[in-house]
């Protein structure tokens, strides 16, 4: 199995604080590429982040309501070979 990190991408809202609002998928769940995994709040905007690949969400690296920054790893997804 290989692993990939889901990282916070550039949202174009650099002057706004960003917070991980809510996990949409539980740890251990299967995810498909493009499936919504986590919701982040950037100022007044809410953004859903998709899984970068098919696999299983094996680890959450950030808790809900925690501040985050662009490029920060949020989760680890284990992909089948």
C-alpha atoms as a PDB file:
ATOM      1  CA  UNK A   1       0.000   0.000   0.000  1.00  0.00           C
ATOM      2  CA  UNK A   2       1.129   3.522  -0.705  1.00  0.00           C
ATOM      3  CA  UNK A   3       0.069   6.640   1.145  1.00  0.00           C
ATOM      4  CA  UNK A   4      -0.729  10.177   0.094  1.00  0.00           C
ATOM      5  CA  UNK A   5      -1.401  13.258   2.194  1.00  0.00           C
ATOM      6  CA  UNK A   6      -4.419  15.494   1.745  1.00  0.00           C
ATOM      7  CA  UNK A   7      -2.971  19.011   2.137  1.00  0.00           C
ATOM      8  CA  UNK A   8      -4.670  22.389   2.333  1.00  0.00           C
ATOM      9  CA  UNK A   9      -4.397  23.952  -1.136  1.00  0.00           C
ATOM     10  CA  UNK A  10      -4.063  27.629  -1.967  1.00  0.00           C
ATOM     11  CA  UNK A  11      -7.591  29.043  -1.671  1.00  0.00           C
ATOM     12  CA  UNK A  12      -6.927  32.594  -2.852  1.00  0.00           C
ATOM     13  CA  UNK A  13      -8.003  33.985   0.522  1.00  0.00           C
ATOM     14  CA  UNK A  14      -4.546  34.723   1.948  1.00  0.00           C
ATOM     15  CA  UNK A  15      -5.683  37.500   4.256  1.00  0.00           C
ATOM     16  CA  UNK A  16      -8.304  35.316   5.977  1.00  0.00           C
ATOM     17  CA  UNK A  17      -7.683  32.937   8.902  1.00  0.00           C
ATOM     18  CA  UNK A  18      -8.430  29.338   7.909  1.00  0.00           C
ATOM     19  CA  UNK A  19      -9.934  26.734  10.250  1.00  0.00           C
ATOM     20  CA  UNK A  20     -10.732  23.056   9.783  1.00  0.00           C
ATOM     21  CA  UNK A  21     -14.475  23.201  10.299  1.00  0.00           C
ATOM     22  CA  UNK A  22     -15.693  19.618  10.012  1.00  0.00           C
ATOM     23  CA  UNK A  23     -14.591  16.159   8.912  1.00  0.00           C
ATOM     24  CA  UNK A  24     -17.076  14.753   6.378  1.00  0.00           C
ATOM     25  CA  UNK A  25     -15.614  11.222   6.369  1.00  0.00           C
ATOM     26  CA  UNK A  26     -14.752   9.123   9.443  1.00  0.00           C
ATOM     27  CA  UNK A  27     -11.306   7.624   9.957  1.00  0.00           C
ATOM     28  CA  UNK A  28     -11.153   4.184   8.377  1.00  0.00           C
ATOM     29  CA  UNK A  29     -13.695   5.002   5.672  1.00  0.00           C
ATOM     30  CA  UNK A  30     -13.141   4.327   1.982  1.00  0.00           C
ATOM     31  CA  UNK A  31     -12.974   7.446  -0.174  1.00  0.00           C
ATOM     32  CA  UNK A  32     -13.053   7.968  -3.923  1.00  0.00           C
ATOM     33  CA  UNK A  33     -10.908  10.497  -5.763  1.00  0.00           C
ATOM     34  CA  UNK A  34     -12.841  13.771  -5.800  1.00  0.00           C
ATOM     35  CA  UNK A  35     -15.093  12.793  -2.857  1.00  0.00           C
ATOM     36  CA  UNK A  36     -15.539  15.533  -0.238  1.00  0.00           C
ATOM     37  CA  UNK A  37     -13.458  14.668   2.841  1.00  0.00           C
ATOM     38  CA  UNK A  38     -13.177  17.807   4.955  1.00  0.00           C
ATOM     39  CA  UNK A  39     -14.738  21.258   5.231  1.00  0.00           C
ATOM     40  CA  UNK A  40     -12.631  24.334   5.950  1.00  0.00           C
ATOM     41  CA  UNK A  41     -13.659  27.866   6.838  1.00  0.00           C
ATOM     42  CA  UNK A  42     -11.702  30.750   5.323  1.00  0.00           C
ATOM     43  CA  UNK A  43     -13.235  33.983   6.593  1.00  0.00           C
ATOM     44  CA  UNK A  44     -16.857  33.971   5.402  1.00  0.00           C
ATOM     45  CA  UNK A  45     -16.262  31.187   2.830  1.00  0.00           C
ATOM     46  CA  UNK A  46     -16.781  27.471   3.426  1.00  0.00           C
ATOM     47  CA  UNK A  47     -14.749  25.169   1.173  1.00  0.00           C
ATOM     48  CA  UNK A  48     -15.026  21.378   0.862  1.00  0.00           C
ATOM     49  CA  UNK A  49     -11.745  19.626   0.078  1.00  0.00           C
ATOM     50  CA  UNK A  50     -11.819  16.450  -2.029  1.00  0.00           C
ATOM     51  CA  UNK A  51      -9.781  13.288  -1.690  1.00  0.00           C
ATOM     52  CA  UNK A  52      -6.791  13.350  -4.055  1.00  0.00           C
ATOM     53  CA  UNK A  53      -7.082   9.585  -4.699  1.00  0.00           C
ATOM     54  CA  UNK A  54      -9.119   6.431  -4.142  1.00  0.00           C
ATOM     55  CA  UNK A  55      -8.264   4.747  -0.853  1.00  0.00           C
ATOM     56  CA  UNK A  56      -8.932   4.659   2.882  1.00  0.00           C
ATOM     57  CA  UNK A  57      -8.654   7.653   5.193  1.00  0.00           C
ATOM     58  CA  UNK A  58      -6.261   6.120   7.725  1.00  0.00           C
ATOM     59  CA  UNK A  59      -5.226   9.153   9.753  1.00  0.00           C
ATOM     60  CA  UNK A  60      -6.517  12.628  10.590  1.00  0.00           C
ATOM     61  CA  UNK A  61      -3.687  15.053  11.319  1.00  0.00           C
ATOM     62  CA  UNK A  62      -5.809  18.036  12.393  1.00  0.00           C
ATOM     63  CA  UNK A  63      -8.770  18.296  14.761  1.00  0.00           C
ATOM     64  CA  UNK A  64     -11.997  20.182  14.065  1.00  0.00           C
ATOM     65  CA  UNK A  65     -11.895  23.901  14.930  1.00  0.00           C
ATOM     66  CA  UNK A  66      -8.086  23.929  14.656  1.00  0.00           C
ATOM     67  CA  UNK A  67      -6.402  26.733  12.675  1.00  0.00           C
ATOM     68  CA  UNK A  68      -4.557  25.561   9.538  1.00  0.00           C
ATOM     69  CA  UNK A  69      -2.260  27.040   6.898  1.00  0.00           C
ATOM     70  CA  UNK A  70      -1.812  26.551   3.150  1.00  0.00           C
ATOM     71  CA  UNK A  71       0.236  23.443   2.397  1.00  0.00           C
ATOM     72  CA  UNK A  72      -0.420  21.846   5.789  1.00  0.00           C
ATOM     73  CA  UNK A  73      -1.139  18.087   5.682  1.00  0.00           C
ATOM     74  CA  UNK A  74      -4.654  17.391   7.001  1.00  0.00           C
ATOM     75  CA  UNK A  75      -5.034  13.634   6.533  1.00  0.00           C
ATOM     76  CA  UNK A  76      -3.334  10.499   5.248  1.00  0.00           C
ATOM     77  CA  UNK A  77      -5.021   8.315   2.637  1.00  0.00           C
ATOM     78  CA  UNK A  78      -3.786   4.791   2.028  1.00  0.00           C
ATOM     79  CA  UNK A  79      -4.132   3.734  -1.601  1.00  0.00           C
ATOM     80  CA  UNK A  80      -4.284   0.164  -2.908  1.00  0.00           C
ATOM     81  CA  UNK A  81      -1.439  -0.884  -5.207  1.00  0.00           C
END
